[in-house]
Amino acid sequence: MVDERLRAAALGLKRAQTAKSALLDRRLASIGLTMALWVVLERIRANPALSTHALAEASLMTDQSVGELVSKLAKRGLVERVSGSGRAIRHHLTDSGRVLLERAAPLLAEALQSAFSELSSAEIEQLIRLLDKIAPSRGSGASP
């Protein structure tokens, strides 16, 4: 038997994640990005030359998902894929990728402000602590 409080908490987390991702996607759509594409670009910016697998881990996604997203970004000229040692492929932002991230920054800031506008600063800090208790960050720096 599932504890009703735990079920409600799990569904609440999923509902919040879905709503916040949709809001971020709507705001980023004006510059041709989704939240997933932005995360990959941001992780490449923060960690140049990551392999696909390391990029997937840093982005909190699967290797296959990141591979597909990087292919889209490369076709748009936002990311370069460079052969590394062995079969590894390393990823780097192009100048166009850096410019797009700069354009995304105010949109993302506005979307995040809107997404959490109902919470006080103390509540946001508490939310961060609680989420980190149930899903400790691995230091990947994935954001947001």
Protein backbone atom coordinates (compact mmCIF):
# COMPACT_ATOMS: atom_id res chain seq x y z
CA MET A 1 0.00 0.00 0.00
CA VAL A 2 1.39 3.39 -0.99
CA ASP A 3 1.49 6.09 1.66
CA GLU A 4 -0.94 8.73 0.39
CA ARG A 5 1.32 11.58 1.55
CA LEU A 6 4.27 10.18 -0.40
CA ARG A 7 2.12 9.70 -3.48
CA ALA A 8 0.86 13.30 -3.20
CA ALA A 9 4.44 14.54 -2.75
CA ALA A 10 5.66 12.60 -5.80
CA LEU A 11 2.80 13.83 -7.95
CA GLY A 12 3.33 17.38 -6.69
CA LEU A 13 6.99 17.25 -7.67
CA LYS A 14 6.10 15.99 -11.13
CA ARG A 15 3.35 18.60 -11.57
CA ALA A 16 5.71 21.41 -10.50
CA GLN A 17 8.51 20.16 -12.78
CA THR A 18 6.16 19.91 -15.75
CA ALA A 19 4.66 23.36 -15.18
CA LYS A 20 8.02 25.06 -14.67
CA SER A 21 9.59 23.35 -17.70
CA ALA A 22 6.64 24.38 -19.87
CA LEU A 23 6.99 27.99 -18.71
CA LEU A 24 10.72 28.00 -19.46
CA ASP A 25 10.11 26.38 -22.88
CA ARG A 26 7.55 29.06 -23.77
CA ARG A 27 9.94 31.88 -22.86
CA LEU A 28 12.92 30.36 -24.69
CA ALA A 29 10.88 29.50 -27.80
CA SER A 30 11.14 33.12 -28.97
CA ILE A 31 14.83 32.51 -29.70
CA GLY A 32 14.45 28.97 -30.98
CA LEU A 33 15.43 27.12 -27.82
CA THR A 34 13.82 24.67 -25.44
CA MET A 35 14.85 24.11 -21.86
CA ALA A 36 16.61 20.88 -22.86
CA LEU A 37 18.59 22.62 -25.62
CA TRP A 38 19.50 25.44 -23.25
CA VAL A 39 20.73 23.00 -20.59
CA VAL A 40 23.02 21.28 -23.10
CA LEU A 41 24.39 24.60 -24.38
CA GLU A 42 24.95 25.82 -20.82
CA ARG A 43 26.73 22.63 -19.77
CA ILE A 44 29.01 22.86 -22.83
CA ARG A 45 29.74 26.50 -21.96
CA ALA A 46 30.55 25.61 -18.36
CA ASN A 47 32.56 22.49 -19.25
CA PRO A 48 34.15 22.78 -22.70
CA ALA A 49 35.31 19.57 -24.38
CA LEU A 50 33.07 17.17 -22.48
CA SER A 51 32.45 13.81 -24.08
CA THR A 52 28.88 12.92 -24.98
CA HIS A 53 28.59 10.67 -21.93
CA ALA A 54 30.00 13.29 -19.55
CA LEU A 55 27.76 15.92 -21.12
CA ALA A 56 24.75 13.65 -20.59
CA GLU A 57 25.64 13.19 -16.92
CA ALA A 58 26.20 16.92 -16.42
CA SER A 59 22.86 17.64 -18.14
CA LEU A 60 20.98 14.99 -16.14
CA MET A 61 19.93 13.27 -19.37
CA THR A 62 20.60 10.04 -21.21
CA ASP A 63 23.45 9.69 -23.70
CA GLN A 64 20.91 9.19 -26.49
CA SER A 65 18.91 12.32 -25.59
CA VAL A 66 22.03 14.46 -25.42
CA GLY A 67 23.30 13.00 -28.69
CA GLU A 68 20.07 14.01 -30.43
CA LEU A 69 20.11 17.49 -28.88
CA VAL A 70 23.76 18.06 -29.78
CA SER A 71 23.02 17.01 -33.37
CA LYS A 72 20.28 19.65 -33.55
CA LEU A 73 22.58 22.27 -32.06
CA ALA A 74 25.42 21.35 -34.44
CA LYS A 75 23.10 21.61 -37.47
CA ARG A 76 22.23 25.13 -36.33
CA GLY A 77 25.92 26.01 -36.02
CA LEU A 78 25.74 26.49 -32.25
CA VAL A 79 28.02 23.61 -31.26
CA GLU A 80 31.09 22.00 -32.82
CA ARG A 81 31.80 18.32 -32.39
CA VAL A 82 35.50 17.51 -32.34
CA SER A 83 37.05 14.04 -32.31
CA GLY A 84 38.84 13.29 -29.08
CA SER A 85 40.95 10.38 -27.93
CA GLY A 86 39.59 7.00 -28.95
CA ARG A 87 35.99 7.23 -30.06
CA ALA A 88 35.15 10.17 -27.81
CA ILE A 89 33.62 13.25 -29.33
CA ARG A 90 34.22 16.54 -27.58
CA HIS A 91 31.77 19.43 -27.69
CA HIS A 92 32.51 23.15 -27.96
CA LEU A 93 30.30 26.22 -28.32
CA THR A 94 30.63 28.28 -31.46
CA ASP A 95 30.48 32.06 -31.37
CA SER A 96 26.83 31.76 -32.43
CA GLY A 97 26.19 29.41 -29.50
CA ARG A 98 27.70 31.90 -27.07
CA VAL A 99 25.61 34.74 -28.52
CA LEU A 100 22.43 32.66 -28.23
CA LEU A 101 23.18 31.86 -24.58
CA GLU A 102 23.64 35.58 -23.93
CA ARG A 103 20.26 36.26 -25.56
CA ALA A 104 18.69 33.49 -23.48
CA ALA A 105 19.97 34.82 -20.14
CA PRO A 106 17.39 37.60 -19.59
CA LEU A 107 14.56 35.37 -20.85
CA LEU A 108 15.58 32.62 -18.46
CA ALA A 109 15.97 35.07 -15.56
CA GLU A 110 12.48 36.45 -16.21
CA ALA A 111 10.97 32.96 -16.51
CA LEU A 112 12.59 31.77 -13.28
CA GLN A 113 11.46 34.90 -11.46
CA SER A 114 7.93 34.28 -12.66
CA ALA A 115 8.07 30.55 -11.88
CA PHE A 116 8.98 31.15 -8.25
CA SER A 117 7.15 34.45 -7.68
CA GLU A 118 4.73 32.85 -5.21
CA LEU A 119 7.59 31.86 -2.87
CA SER A 120 9.48 34.08 -0.46
CA SER A 121 13.28 34.00 -0.37
CA ALA A 122 13.12 31.89 2.79
CA GLU A 123 10.73 29.44 1.12
CA ILE A 124 13.01 29.15 -1.90
CA GLU A 125 15.94 28.39 0.39
CA GLN A 126 13.84 25.80 2.22
CA LEU A 127 12.76 24.24 -1.09
CA ILE A 128 16.39 23.96 -2.18
CA ARG A 129 17.32 22.25 1.10
CA LEU A 130 14.38 19.85 0.91
CA LEU A 131 15.01 18.90 -2.71
CA ASP A 132 18.69 18.37 -1.96
CA LYS A 133 17.69 15.99 0.84
CA ILE A 134 15.72 13.74 -1.50
CA ALA A 135 17.97 14.18 -4.54
CA PRO A 136 21.45 15.32 -3.48
CA SER A 137 23.32 17.17 -6.21
CA ARG A 138 26.38 15.40 -7.52
CA GLY A 139 28.25 18.61 -8.11
CA SER A 140 27.49 18.54 -11.84
CA GLY A 141 26.34 22.12 -11.71
CA ALA A 142 23.37 21.31 -13.89
CA SER A 143 20.99 24.21 -14.04
CA PRO A 144 18.45 25.36 -13.52
